N, C-alpha and C. Protein backbone atom coordinates (compact mmCIF):
# COMPACT_ATOMS: atom_id res chain seq x y z
N MET A 1 -17.97 -26.55 -1.63
CA MET A 1 -19.07 -25.71 -1.18
C MET A 1 -19.96 -26.38 -0.11
N GLU A 2 -20.02 -27.76 -0.21
CA GLU A 2 -20.83 -28.45 0.73
C GLU A 2 -20.27 -28.27 2.19
N LYS A 3 -18.96 -28.35 2.29
CA LYS A 3 -18.37 -28.18 3.61
C LYS A 3 -18.69 -26.72 4.14
N LEU A 4 -18.65 -25.77 3.26
CA LEU A 4 -18.89 -24.37 3.64
C LEU A 4 -20.37 -24.25 4.07
N LYS A 5 -21.23 -24.80 3.30
CA LYS A 5 -22.66 -24.81 3.61
C LYS A 5 -22.97 -25.51 5.05
N ASP A 6 -22.30 -26.59 5.26
CA ASP A 6 -22.47 -27.24 6.53
C ASP A 6 -22.01 -26.43 7.72
N GLN A 7 -20.83 -25.78 7.54
CA GLN A 7 -20.29 -24.96 8.58
C GLN A 7 -21.08 -23.67 8.81
N THR A 8 -21.63 -23.14 7.75
CA THR A 8 -22.55 -21.97 7.84
C THR A 8 -23.80 -22.33 8.61
N LYS A 9 -24.34 -23.52 8.32
CA LYS A 9 -25.53 -23.96 9.03
C LYS A 9 -25.26 -24.17 10.52
N ALA A 10 -24.06 -24.72 10.85
CA ALA A 10 -23.69 -24.96 12.23
C ALA A 10 -23.61 -23.65 13.00
N TYR A 11 -22.99 -22.61 12.36
CA TYR A 11 -22.86 -21.35 13.04
C TYR A 11 -24.23 -20.69 13.19
N SER A 12 -25.15 -20.85 12.19
CA SER A 12 -26.45 -20.27 12.27
C SER A 12 -27.25 -20.88 13.41
N GLU A 13 -27.13 -22.16 13.63
CA GLU A 13 -27.82 -22.88 14.70
C GLU A 13 -27.41 -22.38 16.02
N LEU A 14 -26.22 -21.92 16.19
CA LEU A 14 -25.70 -21.41 17.43
C LEU A 14 -26.34 -20.06 17.79
N ASP A 15 -26.69 -19.27 16.79
CA ASP A 15 -27.30 -17.97 17.02
C ASP A 15 -28.41 -17.71 15.89
N PRO A 16 -29.54 -18.33 16.08
CA PRO A 16 -30.56 -18.26 14.99
C PRO A 16 -31.01 -16.84 14.74
N ASP A 17 -30.86 -15.91 15.70
CA ASP A 17 -31.37 -14.56 15.50
C ASP A 17 -30.40 -13.82 14.51
N ARG A 18 -29.14 -14.31 14.41
CA ARG A 18 -28.13 -13.68 13.51
C ARG A 18 -27.56 -14.76 12.64
N PRO A 19 -28.30 -15.33 11.69
CA PRO A 19 -27.75 -16.45 10.90
C PRO A 19 -26.50 -16.05 10.08
N ALA A 20 -25.65 -17.02 9.99
CA ALA A 20 -24.33 -16.81 9.35
C ALA A 20 -24.60 -16.75 7.84
N ILE A 21 -23.70 -16.07 7.08
CA ILE A 21 -23.76 -16.03 5.68
C ILE A 21 -22.47 -16.67 5.11
N GLN A 22 -22.55 -17.52 4.19
CA GLN A 22 -21.42 -18.21 3.71
C GLN A 22 -20.64 -17.23 2.77
N ALA A 23 -19.32 -17.33 2.86
CA ALA A 23 -18.53 -16.39 2.09
C ALA A 23 -17.25 -17.10 1.58
N ILE A 24 -16.78 -16.71 0.42
CA ILE A 24 -15.53 -17.16 -0.16
C ILE A 24 -14.56 -16.00 -0.21
N GLU A 25 -13.35 -16.18 0.30
CA GLU A 25 -12.33 -15.17 0.17
C GLU A 25 -11.27 -15.60 -0.81
N LEU A 26 -11.05 -14.80 -1.81
CA LEU A 26 -10.16 -15.14 -2.94
C LEU A 26 -9.09 -14.05 -2.96
N ILE A 27 -7.84 -14.42 -3.00
CA ILE A 27 -6.73 -13.44 -3.11
C ILE A 27 -6.61 -13.05 -4.56
N ALA A 28 -7.02 -11.79 -4.80
CA ALA A 28 -7.09 -11.34 -6.20
C ALA A 28 -5.66 -10.82 -6.63
N THR A 29 -4.83 -10.32 -5.74
CA THR A 29 -3.50 -10.01 -6.10
C THR A 29 -2.56 -10.61 -4.96
N VAL A 30 -1.63 -11.38 -5.40
CA VAL A 30 -0.83 -12.22 -4.49
C VAL A 30 0.53 -11.59 -4.37
N ALA A 31 0.91 -11.18 -3.17
CA ALA A 31 2.30 -10.68 -2.99
C ALA A 31 3.35 -11.79 -3.17
N GLN A 32 4.45 -11.40 -3.75
CA GLN A 32 5.53 -12.43 -3.96
C GLN A 32 6.87 -11.83 -3.78
N ARG A 33 7.84 -12.69 -3.64
CA ARG A 33 9.19 -12.21 -3.42
C ARG A 33 9.97 -11.86 -4.64
N ASN A 34 9.42 -12.30 -5.78
CA ASN A 34 9.96 -11.93 -7.16
C ASN A 34 9.30 -10.60 -7.54
N PRO A 35 10.11 -9.64 -8.08
CA PRO A 35 9.51 -8.38 -8.44
C PRO A 35 8.50 -8.48 -9.64
N GLY A 36 8.67 -9.51 -10.43
CA GLY A 36 7.80 -9.68 -11.57
C GLY A 36 8.10 -8.65 -12.69
N GLU A 37 7.36 -8.72 -13.84
CA GLU A 37 7.59 -7.81 -14.91
C GLU A 37 7.41 -6.35 -14.58
N ASP A 38 6.43 -6.06 -13.76
CA ASP A 38 6.11 -4.69 -13.43
C ASP A 38 6.90 -4.16 -12.20
N GLY A 39 7.70 -5.01 -11.57
CA GLY A 39 8.49 -4.69 -10.40
C GLY A 39 7.73 -4.32 -9.19
N LEU A 40 6.46 -4.80 -9.06
CA LEU A 40 5.62 -4.43 -7.93
C LEU A 40 5.53 -5.56 -6.90
N TYR A 41 6.25 -6.61 -7.17
CA TYR A 41 6.27 -7.74 -6.17
C TYR A 41 4.89 -8.36 -5.85
N MET A 42 4.05 -8.40 -6.91
CA MET A 42 2.70 -9.02 -6.69
C MET A 42 2.31 -9.59 -8.02
N HIS A 43 1.39 -10.59 -7.95
CA HIS A 43 0.84 -11.25 -9.14
C HIS A 43 -0.69 -11.20 -9.13
N ALA A 44 -1.26 -10.74 -10.17
CA ALA A 44 -2.72 -10.60 -10.26
C ALA A 44 -3.31 -11.96 -10.64
N THR A 45 -4.32 -12.38 -9.94
CA THR A 45 -5.11 -13.55 -10.30
C THR A 45 -5.85 -13.31 -11.58
N ALA A 46 -5.82 -14.26 -12.47
CA ALA A 46 -6.43 -14.17 -13.80
C ALA A 46 -7.93 -13.85 -13.74
N ASP A 47 -8.41 -12.97 -14.61
CA ASP A 47 -9.84 -12.66 -14.60
C ASP A 47 -10.71 -13.90 -14.75
N GLU A 48 -10.26 -14.86 -15.53
CA GLU A 48 -11.08 -16.02 -15.65
C GLU A 48 -11.23 -16.85 -14.41
N ASP A 49 -10.19 -16.76 -13.54
CA ASP A 49 -10.34 -17.48 -12.23
C ASP A 49 -11.24 -16.71 -11.26
N ILE A 50 -11.10 -15.33 -11.26
CA ILE A 50 -12.01 -14.50 -10.43
C ILE A 50 -13.47 -14.70 -10.84
N GLU A 51 -13.62 -14.73 -12.16
CA GLU A 51 -15.03 -14.97 -12.70
C GLU A 51 -15.64 -16.30 -12.35
N LYS A 52 -14.75 -17.25 -12.30
CA LYS A 52 -15.19 -18.64 -11.85
C LYS A 52 -15.70 -18.64 -10.42
N TYR A 53 -14.95 -17.94 -9.58
CA TYR A 53 -15.41 -17.87 -8.17
C TYR A 53 -16.61 -16.96 -7.95
N ALA A 54 -16.66 -15.90 -8.84
CA ALA A 54 -17.88 -15.01 -8.76
C ALA A 54 -19.13 -15.80 -9.15
N LYS A 55 -19.00 -16.65 -10.15
CA LYS A 55 -20.16 -17.51 -10.57
C LYS A 55 -20.52 -18.53 -9.49
N LEU A 56 -19.44 -19.09 -8.87
CA LEU A 56 -19.69 -20.06 -7.78
C LEU A 56 -20.45 -19.39 -6.61
N ALA A 57 -20.02 -18.20 -6.27
CA ALA A 57 -20.66 -17.48 -5.14
C ALA A 57 -22.07 -17.12 -5.45
N GLU A 58 -22.32 -16.63 -6.79
CA GLU A 58 -23.73 -16.28 -7.11
C GLU A 58 -24.60 -17.44 -7.14
N GLU A 59 -24.12 -18.56 -7.64
CA GLU A 59 -24.96 -19.78 -7.71
C GLU A 59 -25.32 -20.37 -6.39
N ASN A 60 -24.52 -20.02 -5.38
CA ASN A 60 -24.74 -20.64 -4.07
C ASN A 60 -25.11 -19.60 -2.95
N ASP A 61 -25.59 -18.47 -3.40
CA ASP A 61 -26.06 -17.33 -2.47
C ASP A 61 -24.94 -17.07 -1.42
N ALA A 62 -23.71 -16.97 -1.89
CA ALA A 62 -22.57 -16.75 -1.07
C ALA A 62 -22.03 -15.36 -1.41
N LEU A 63 -21.23 -14.79 -0.42
CA LEU A 63 -20.48 -13.58 -0.70
C LEU A 63 -19.11 -13.98 -1.20
N LEU A 64 -18.55 -13.07 -2.08
CA LEU A 64 -17.18 -13.26 -2.56
C LEU A 64 -16.35 -12.05 -2.06
N ILE A 65 -15.36 -12.31 -1.33
CA ILE A 65 -14.43 -11.25 -0.83
C ILE A 65 -13.14 -11.31 -1.53
N LEU A 66 -12.86 -10.25 -2.29
CA LEU A 66 -11.59 -10.23 -3.07
C LEU A 66 -10.54 -9.54 -2.23
N ASP A 67 -9.46 -10.19 -2.01
CA ASP A 67 -8.42 -9.79 -1.17
C ASP A 67 -7.24 -9.26 -2.01
N VAL A 68 -6.68 -8.06 -1.65
CA VAL A 68 -5.51 -7.54 -2.35
C VAL A 68 -4.34 -7.44 -1.42
N GLN A 69 -3.19 -8.02 -1.87
CA GLN A 69 -2.03 -8.11 -1.08
C GLN A 69 -0.92 -7.02 -1.32
N LEU A 70 -1.17 -6.24 -2.42
CA LEU A 70 -0.52 -4.94 -2.66
C LEU A 70 0.95 -5.02 -3.10
N GLY A 71 1.85 -5.68 -2.38
CA GLY A 71 3.21 -5.61 -2.76
C GLY A 71 3.71 -4.18 -2.69
N GLN A 72 4.37 -3.64 -3.77
CA GLN A 72 4.80 -2.25 -3.79
C GLN A 72 3.77 -1.39 -4.60
N ASP A 73 2.65 -1.89 -4.88
CA ASP A 73 1.66 -1.09 -5.52
C ASP A 73 0.85 -0.35 -4.49
N ASN A 74 0.09 0.65 -4.85
CA ASN A 74 -0.75 1.32 -3.87
C ASN A 74 -2.18 0.75 -3.80
N ILE A 75 -2.92 1.04 -2.72
CA ILE A 75 -4.17 0.49 -2.48
C ILE A 75 -5.14 0.81 -3.58
N MET A 76 -5.18 2.10 -3.99
CA MET A 76 -6.25 2.51 -4.93
C MET A 76 -6.01 1.85 -6.31
N ASN A 77 -4.83 1.69 -6.75
CA ASN A 77 -4.62 0.97 -8.04
C ASN A 77 -5.19 -0.39 -7.98
N GLN A 78 -4.99 -1.09 -6.83
CA GLN A 78 -5.52 -2.52 -6.70
C GLN A 78 -7.02 -2.50 -6.67
N VAL A 79 -7.62 -1.53 -5.92
CA VAL A 79 -9.04 -1.52 -5.76
C VAL A 79 -9.68 -1.20 -7.10
N LYS A 80 -9.18 -0.22 -7.84
CA LYS A 80 -9.72 0.15 -9.11
C LYS A 80 -9.63 -0.99 -10.16
N SER A 81 -8.59 -1.79 -10.01
CA SER A 81 -8.46 -2.94 -10.92
C SER A 81 -9.58 -3.94 -10.77
N LEU A 82 -10.23 -3.88 -9.56
CA LEU A 82 -11.36 -4.87 -9.32
C LEU A 82 -12.71 -4.22 -9.44
N GLU A 83 -12.74 -3.01 -9.99
CA GLU A 83 -14.02 -2.32 -9.94
C GLU A 83 -15.22 -3.05 -10.60
N LYS A 84 -14.89 -3.76 -11.73
CA LYS A 84 -16.07 -4.39 -12.36
C LYS A 84 -16.59 -5.57 -11.54
N TYR A 85 -15.79 -6.13 -10.67
CA TYR A 85 -16.28 -7.14 -9.76
C TYR A 85 -17.00 -6.53 -8.55
N LEU A 86 -16.43 -5.44 -8.05
CA LEU A 86 -17.03 -4.76 -6.92
C LEU A 86 -18.37 -4.14 -7.20
N LYS A 87 -18.66 -4.00 -8.50
CA LYS A 87 -20.03 -3.53 -8.90
C LYS A 87 -21.09 -4.68 -8.82
N LEU A 88 -20.62 -5.93 -8.64
CA LEU A 88 -21.50 -7.00 -8.42
C LEU A 88 -22.05 -6.93 -6.99
N PRO A 89 -23.33 -7.20 -6.74
CA PRO A 89 -23.90 -6.97 -5.32
C PRO A 89 -23.41 -7.89 -4.27
N TYR A 90 -22.79 -8.98 -4.66
CA TYR A 90 -22.37 -9.93 -3.65
C TYR A 90 -20.83 -10.02 -3.53
N VAL A 91 -20.13 -9.06 -4.15
CA VAL A 91 -18.65 -9.07 -4.08
C VAL A 91 -18.20 -7.88 -3.13
N HIS A 92 -17.25 -8.16 -2.27
CA HIS A 92 -16.75 -7.27 -1.23
C HIS A 92 -15.22 -7.24 -1.29
N LEU A 93 -14.62 -6.44 -0.48
CA LEU A 93 -13.18 -6.15 -0.60
C LEU A 93 -12.45 -6.42 0.77
N ALA A 94 -11.23 -6.99 0.60
CA ALA A 94 -10.34 -7.18 1.77
C ALA A 94 -8.98 -6.61 1.42
N ILE A 95 -8.35 -5.98 2.37
CA ILE A 95 -7.03 -5.39 2.17
C ILE A 95 -6.05 -6.06 3.11
N ASP A 96 -5.01 -6.72 2.55
CA ASP A 96 -3.97 -7.34 3.35
C ASP A 96 -2.83 -6.40 3.62
N THR A 97 -2.87 -5.64 4.75
CA THR A 97 -1.98 -4.55 4.95
C THR A 97 -0.52 -4.95 5.12
N GLU A 98 -0.25 -6.09 5.75
CA GLU A 98 1.11 -6.50 6.03
C GLU A 98 2.00 -6.75 4.79
N PHE A 99 1.33 -6.83 3.66
CA PHE A 99 2.07 -7.14 2.40
C PHE A 99 2.35 -5.93 1.62
N HIS A 100 2.03 -4.72 2.13
CA HIS A 100 2.34 -3.50 1.46
C HIS A 100 3.73 -2.97 1.87
N VAL A 101 4.68 -3.11 0.98
CA VAL A 101 6.09 -2.72 1.32
C VAL A 101 6.59 -1.53 0.44
N LYS A 102 7.63 -0.84 0.97
CA LYS A 102 8.18 0.24 0.24
C LYS A 102 9.25 -0.26 -0.73
N GLU A 103 9.72 0.72 -1.54
CA GLU A 103 10.78 0.41 -2.50
C GLU A 103 12.00 -0.07 -1.71
N GLY A 104 12.64 -1.12 -2.18
CA GLY A 104 13.82 -1.66 -1.41
C GLY A 104 13.39 -2.77 -0.44
N GLN A 105 12.13 -3.00 -0.24
CA GLN A 105 11.68 -4.02 0.67
C GLN A 105 11.01 -5.12 -0.16
N VAL A 106 10.88 -6.28 0.50
CA VAL A 106 10.30 -7.45 -0.20
C VAL A 106 9.23 -8.01 0.71
N PRO A 107 8.02 -8.20 0.19
CA PRO A 107 6.87 -8.78 0.95
C PRO A 107 7.24 -10.19 1.31
N GLY A 108 6.90 -10.56 2.65
CA GLY A 108 7.24 -11.91 3.10
C GLY A 108 8.54 -11.84 3.82
N GLU A 109 9.46 -10.95 3.51
CA GLU A 109 10.69 -10.73 4.23
C GLU A 109 10.67 -9.52 5.09
N ASP A 110 9.98 -8.40 4.57
CA ASP A 110 9.88 -7.21 5.35
C ASP A 110 8.34 -7.04 5.71
N LEU A 111 8.12 -6.62 6.94
CA LEU A 111 6.70 -6.43 7.42
C LEU A 111 6.25 -5.09 6.87
N GLY A 112 5.14 -5.13 6.13
CA GLY A 112 4.60 -3.94 5.48
C GLY A 112 3.81 -3.01 6.44
N HIS A 113 3.55 -1.85 5.96
CA HIS A 113 2.67 -0.85 6.70
C HIS A 113 1.83 -0.11 5.77
N VAL A 114 0.63 0.36 6.27
CA VAL A 114 -0.18 1.20 5.46
C VAL A 114 -0.65 2.40 6.33
N ASP A 115 -1.12 3.44 5.69
CA ASP A 115 -1.68 4.64 6.44
C ASP A 115 -3.16 4.55 6.42
N GLY A 116 -3.76 4.79 7.53
CA GLY A 116 -5.26 4.68 7.66
C GLY A 116 -5.95 5.60 6.63
N GLU A 117 -5.33 6.77 6.28
CA GLU A 117 -5.99 7.61 5.30
C GLU A 117 -6.06 6.88 3.95
N ASN A 118 -5.08 6.10 3.58
CA ASN A 118 -5.11 5.40 2.29
C ASN A 118 -6.12 4.32 2.29
N VAL A 119 -6.33 3.66 3.51
CA VAL A 119 -7.33 2.65 3.59
C VAL A 119 -8.71 3.36 3.47
N GLN A 120 -8.90 4.45 4.10
CA GLN A 120 -10.16 5.17 4.04
C GLN A 120 -10.51 5.63 2.64
N GLU A 121 -9.51 6.00 1.87
CA GLU A 121 -9.78 6.40 0.47
C GLU A 121 -10.35 5.22 -0.29
N ALA A 122 -9.85 4.00 -0.02
CA ALA A 122 -10.45 2.82 -0.69
C ALA A 122 -11.92 2.52 -0.17
N ILE A 123 -12.11 2.75 1.07
CA ILE A 123 -13.46 2.62 1.64
C ILE A 123 -14.42 3.56 1.03
N ASP A 124 -14.02 4.83 0.89
CA ASP A 124 -14.86 5.87 0.28
C ASP A 124 -15.16 5.50 -1.19
N TYR A 125 -14.19 5.00 -1.86
CA TYR A 125 -14.26 4.62 -3.24
C TYR A 125 -15.30 3.51 -3.43
N VAL A 126 -15.26 2.49 -2.55
CA VAL A 126 -16.22 1.46 -2.58
C VAL A 126 -17.62 1.94 -2.20
N SER A 127 -17.63 2.83 -1.26
CA SER A 127 -18.90 3.44 -0.90
C SER A 127 -19.62 4.21 -2.07
N ASN A 128 -18.78 4.89 -2.80
CA ASN A 128 -19.32 5.67 -3.96
C ASN A 128 -19.81 4.65 -5.03
N LEU A 129 -19.08 3.56 -5.23
CA LEU A 129 -19.55 2.52 -6.18
C LEU A 129 -20.88 2.00 -5.79
N ALA A 130 -21.08 1.74 -4.51
CA ALA A 130 -22.38 1.20 -4.00
C ALA A 130 -23.48 2.21 -4.22
N SER A 131 -23.19 3.49 -3.90
CA SER A 131 -24.22 4.52 -4.00
C SER A 131 -24.63 4.80 -5.45
N GLU A 132 -23.62 4.90 -6.30
CA GLU A 132 -23.84 5.22 -7.68
C GLU A 132 -24.47 4.15 -8.49
N ASN A 133 -24.31 2.93 -8.06
CA ASN A 133 -24.84 1.75 -8.84
C ASN A 133 -26.01 1.05 -8.10
N GLY A 134 -26.54 1.71 -7.10
CA GLY A 134 -27.71 1.11 -6.39
C GLY A 134 -27.46 -0.25 -5.83
N LEU A 135 -26.28 -0.42 -5.24
CA LEU A 135 -25.84 -1.74 -4.72
C LEU A 135 -26.20 -1.90 -3.22
N PRO A 136 -26.34 -3.12 -2.71
CA PRO A 136 -26.46 -3.25 -1.29
C PRO A 136 -25.20 -2.85 -0.59
N ASP A 137 -25.30 -2.67 0.68
CA ASP A 137 -24.16 -2.25 1.48
C ASP A 137 -22.99 -3.23 1.27
N LYS A 138 -21.79 -2.64 1.24
CA LYS A 138 -20.53 -3.40 0.97
C LYS A 138 -19.86 -3.54 2.35
N VAL A 139 -18.90 -4.52 2.34
CA VAL A 139 -18.02 -4.78 3.43
C VAL A 139 -16.55 -4.63 3.00
N VAL A 140 -15.81 -3.88 3.72
CA VAL A 140 -14.32 -3.78 3.47
C VAL A 140 -13.64 -4.37 4.71
N MET A 141 -12.98 -5.48 4.52
CA MET A 141 -12.23 -6.14 5.62
C MET A 141 -10.76 -5.71 5.54
N VAL A 142 -10.22 -5.27 6.63
CA VAL A 142 -8.85 -4.82 6.72
C VAL A 142 -8.09 -5.83 7.63
N HIS A 143 -7.23 -6.59 6.90
CA HIS A 143 -6.45 -7.62 7.69
C HIS A 143 -5.24 -6.89 8.30
N GLN A 144 -4.91 -7.28 9.50
CA GLN A 144 -3.73 -6.78 10.10
C GLN A 144 -3.02 -7.82 10.94
N PHE A 145 -1.79 -8.17 10.62
CA PHE A 145 -1.09 -9.19 11.32
C PHE A 145 -0.72 -8.70 12.73
N ALA A 146 -0.44 -7.39 12.82
CA ALA A 146 -0.01 -6.84 14.19
C ALA A 146 -0.61 -5.40 14.17
N ASP A 147 -0.91 -4.93 15.35
CA ASP A 147 -1.53 -3.63 15.51
C ASP A 147 -0.76 -2.46 14.94
N MET A 148 0.61 -2.67 14.91
CA MET A 148 1.50 -1.56 14.50
C MET A 148 1.50 -1.40 13.01
N ILE A 149 0.95 -2.30 12.18
CA ILE A 149 1.01 -2.28 10.81
C ILE A 149 0.23 -1.14 10.19
N ILE A 150 -0.87 -0.71 10.82
CA ILE A 150 -1.71 0.37 10.26
C ILE A 150 -1.42 1.61 11.09
N ASN A 151 -0.77 2.62 10.44
CA ASN A 151 -0.59 3.89 11.02
C ASN A 151 -1.88 4.78 10.90
N ASN A 152 -2.08 5.69 11.77
CA ASN A 152 -3.21 6.63 11.63
C ASN A 152 -4.56 5.88 11.50
N LYS A 153 -4.68 4.89 12.36
CA LYS A 153 -5.88 3.98 12.32
C LYS A 153 -7.17 4.75 12.60
N GLU A 154 -7.10 5.87 13.33
CA GLU A 154 -8.23 6.62 13.64
C GLU A 154 -8.90 7.26 12.45
N ALA A 155 -8.23 7.28 11.27
CA ALA A 155 -8.77 7.80 10.03
C ALA A 155 -9.76 6.81 9.34
N ILE A 156 -9.74 5.55 9.87
CA ILE A 156 -10.57 4.53 9.24
C ILE A 156 -11.93 4.56 9.87
N HIS A 157 -12.99 4.59 9.11
CA HIS A 157 -14.34 4.56 9.63
C HIS A 157 -15.32 4.09 8.61
N PRO A 158 -16.46 3.56 9.03
CA PRO A 158 -17.47 3.08 8.05
C PRO A 158 -18.14 4.27 7.35
N THR A 159 -18.90 4.00 6.35
CA THR A 159 -19.67 5.07 5.67
C THR A 159 -21.15 4.58 5.66
N GLU A 160 -21.98 5.36 4.96
CA GLU A 160 -23.40 4.98 4.86
C GLU A 160 -23.56 3.70 4.14
N ASN A 161 -22.65 3.41 3.21
CA ASN A 161 -22.75 2.26 2.38
C ASN A 161 -21.80 1.11 2.59
N VAL A 162 -20.86 1.34 3.51
CA VAL A 162 -19.75 0.33 3.76
C VAL A 162 -19.60 0.05 5.26
N GLU A 163 -19.60 -1.26 5.59
CA GLU A 163 -19.23 -1.63 6.86
C GLU A 163 -17.76 -2.01 6.90
N VAL A 164 -16.98 -1.64 7.91
CA VAL A 164 -15.58 -1.91 7.97
C VAL A 164 -15.25 -2.89 9.06
N VAL A 165 -14.48 -3.93 8.71
CA VAL A 165 -14.06 -4.94 9.68
C VAL A 165 -12.57 -4.90 9.84
N LEU A 166 -12.10 -4.65 10.99
CA LEU A 166 -10.62 -4.77 11.33
C LEU A 166 -10.41 -6.10 11.83
N ASN A 167 -9.57 -6.91 11.16
CA ASN A 167 -9.41 -8.32 11.47
C ASN A 167 -8.00 -8.59 11.73
N ASN A 168 -7.71 -9.05 12.89
CA ASN A 168 -6.32 -9.49 13.27
C ASN A 168 -6.23 -10.99 12.98
N ASP A 169 -5.28 -11.35 12.15
CA ASP A 169 -5.15 -12.74 11.83
C ASP A 169 -3.68 -13.04 11.65
N GLY A 170 -3.35 -14.28 11.27
CA GLY A 170 -2.01 -14.63 11.01
C GLY A 170 -1.46 -15.72 11.92
N HIS A 171 -0.21 -16.07 11.74
CA HIS A 171 0.51 -17.06 12.59
C HIS A 171 1.90 -16.71 12.69
N GLY A 172 2.59 -17.27 13.65
CA GLY A 172 4.03 -16.92 13.73
C GLY A 172 4.45 -16.95 15.21
N ILE A 173 5.21 -15.97 15.55
CA ILE A 173 5.80 -15.84 16.94
C ILE A 173 4.70 -15.69 17.94
N ALA A 174 4.60 -16.66 18.89
CA ALA A 174 3.53 -16.68 19.85
C ALA A 174 3.49 -15.42 20.68
N ALA A 175 4.65 -14.86 21.06
CA ALA A 175 4.70 -13.68 21.88
C ALA A 175 4.05 -12.50 21.19
N LEU A 176 4.30 -12.36 19.85
CA LEU A 176 3.74 -11.32 19.06
C LEU A 176 2.20 -11.45 18.99
N ASN A 177 1.73 -12.64 18.73
CA ASN A 177 0.31 -12.92 18.66
C ASN A 177 -0.39 -12.60 20.00
N ASP A 178 0.26 -13.06 21.06
CA ASP A 178 -0.30 -12.87 22.42
C ASP A 178 -0.40 -11.36 22.73
N GLN A 179 0.62 -10.63 22.37
CA GLN A 179 0.64 -9.21 22.58
C GLN A 179 -0.51 -8.54 21.81
N VAL A 180 -0.72 -8.96 20.58
CA VAL A 180 -1.82 -8.40 19.78
C VAL A 180 -3.17 -8.69 20.46
N ILE A 181 -3.39 -9.89 20.88
CA ILE A 181 -4.61 -10.21 21.53
C ILE A 181 -4.89 -9.46 22.86
N ILE A 182 -3.85 -9.30 23.64
CA ILE A 182 -3.94 -8.55 24.88
C ILE A 182 -4.32 -7.06 24.55
N SER A 183 -3.56 -6.52 23.55
CA SER A 183 -3.78 -5.12 23.19
C SER A 183 -5.27 -4.92 22.73
N LEU A 184 -5.75 -5.79 21.87
CA LEU A 184 -7.09 -5.70 21.40
C LEU A 184 -8.09 -5.79 22.57
N TYR A 185 -7.80 -6.70 23.53
CA TYR A 185 -8.73 -6.85 24.64
C TYR A 185 -8.82 -5.59 25.46
N ILE A 186 -7.67 -4.95 25.66
CA ILE A 186 -7.64 -3.67 26.42
C ILE A 186 -8.36 -2.64 25.71
N ILE A 187 -8.17 -2.54 24.33
CA ILE A 187 -8.85 -1.49 23.58
C ILE A 187 -10.39 -1.66 23.63
N SER A 188 -10.77 -2.95 23.50
CA SER A 188 -12.24 -3.27 23.49
C SER A 188 -12.88 -2.90 24.83
N LEU A 189 -12.14 -3.13 25.92
CA LEU A 189 -12.67 -2.78 27.25
C LEU A 189 -12.75 -1.31 27.48
N SER A 190 -11.70 -0.54 26.95
CA SER A 190 -11.70 0.83 27.16
C SER A 190 -12.77 1.57 26.37
N ASN A 191 -13.09 0.95 25.21
CA ASN A 191 -14.09 1.55 24.30
C ASN A 191 -15.47 0.99 24.48
N MET A 192 -15.60 0.06 25.37
CA MET A 192 -16.85 -0.67 25.62
C MET A 192 -17.43 -1.25 24.30
N GLU A 193 -16.53 -1.78 23.51
CA GLU A 193 -16.98 -2.41 22.28
C GLU A 193 -17.16 -3.95 22.43
N ASP A 194 -17.89 -4.47 21.56
CA ASP A 194 -18.03 -5.94 21.48
C ASP A 194 -16.88 -6.50 20.85
N SER A 195 -16.34 -7.56 21.42
CA SER A 195 -15.12 -8.12 20.86
C SER A 195 -15.22 -9.66 20.93
N ARG A 196 -14.71 -10.28 19.83
CA ARG A 196 -14.71 -11.74 19.75
C ARG A 196 -13.29 -12.18 19.38
N CYS A 197 -12.81 -13.25 19.99
CA CYS A 197 -11.47 -13.70 19.74
C CYS A 197 -11.55 -15.23 19.61
N PHE A 198 -11.13 -15.77 18.46
CA PHE A 198 -11.10 -17.18 18.18
C PHE A 198 -9.70 -17.60 18.08
N ILE A 199 -9.25 -18.57 18.89
CA ILE A 199 -7.89 -18.98 18.90
C ILE A 199 -7.81 -20.44 18.81
N ARG A 200 -6.90 -20.95 17.87
CA ARG A 200 -6.60 -22.32 17.82
C ARG A 200 -5.10 -22.51 17.92
N LYS A 201 -4.58 -23.11 18.97
CA LYS A 201 -3.18 -23.30 19.09
C LYS A 201 -2.74 -24.64 18.59
N THR A 202 -1.67 -24.66 17.80
CA THR A 202 -1.20 -25.83 17.16
C THR A 202 0.27 -26.01 17.49
N ASN A 203 0.66 -27.21 17.99
CA ASN A 203 2.01 -27.49 18.27
C ASN A 203 2.71 -27.94 16.98
N LEU A 204 3.65 -27.05 16.47
CA LEU A 204 4.24 -27.36 15.23
C LEU A 204 5.65 -28.06 15.36
N SER A 205 6.02 -28.33 16.63
CA SER A 205 7.30 -28.95 16.88
C SER A 205 7.28 -30.45 16.57
């Protein structure tokens, strides 16, 4: 936590008008190549481990972002399994779209896809949780390794209680990553949106 606090302070000093907020992202359901007992190709993080990180976040005035990697399960099943945590004011949601695969596919071997309407259903669900329980605004972060992973992306939008972040991340083939960056830059220019891009290149050879 001390390293996280130091980095948060450094970011805040760069833009004092918009101070950074420290956050912990925990993978609550981990996609795996083994189908497991339920055949869904994912493993749920134990409640005791999630609770440990929830307590750590609360004690240090940090946000906790719970990430779901889906496997062959659907988004809503995963989100509903985290409801008791999402009712905490400092807990938010992330959806790892590239790990959502169809029957006959394996996460990590096959590149997954999701439909924007299914993502929006989760956003609306979290929004209702916030409204019904008098919670502060929530954040739903949607990870996408490549732009093509999310179909019907225009269906995704924020609500009165939820801010939505579309986050391109990952590593791998340089040409694919470069293509994603160029595409995002063109989209941001055409929509006159604010765009930030942070790149660190590492020579792995």
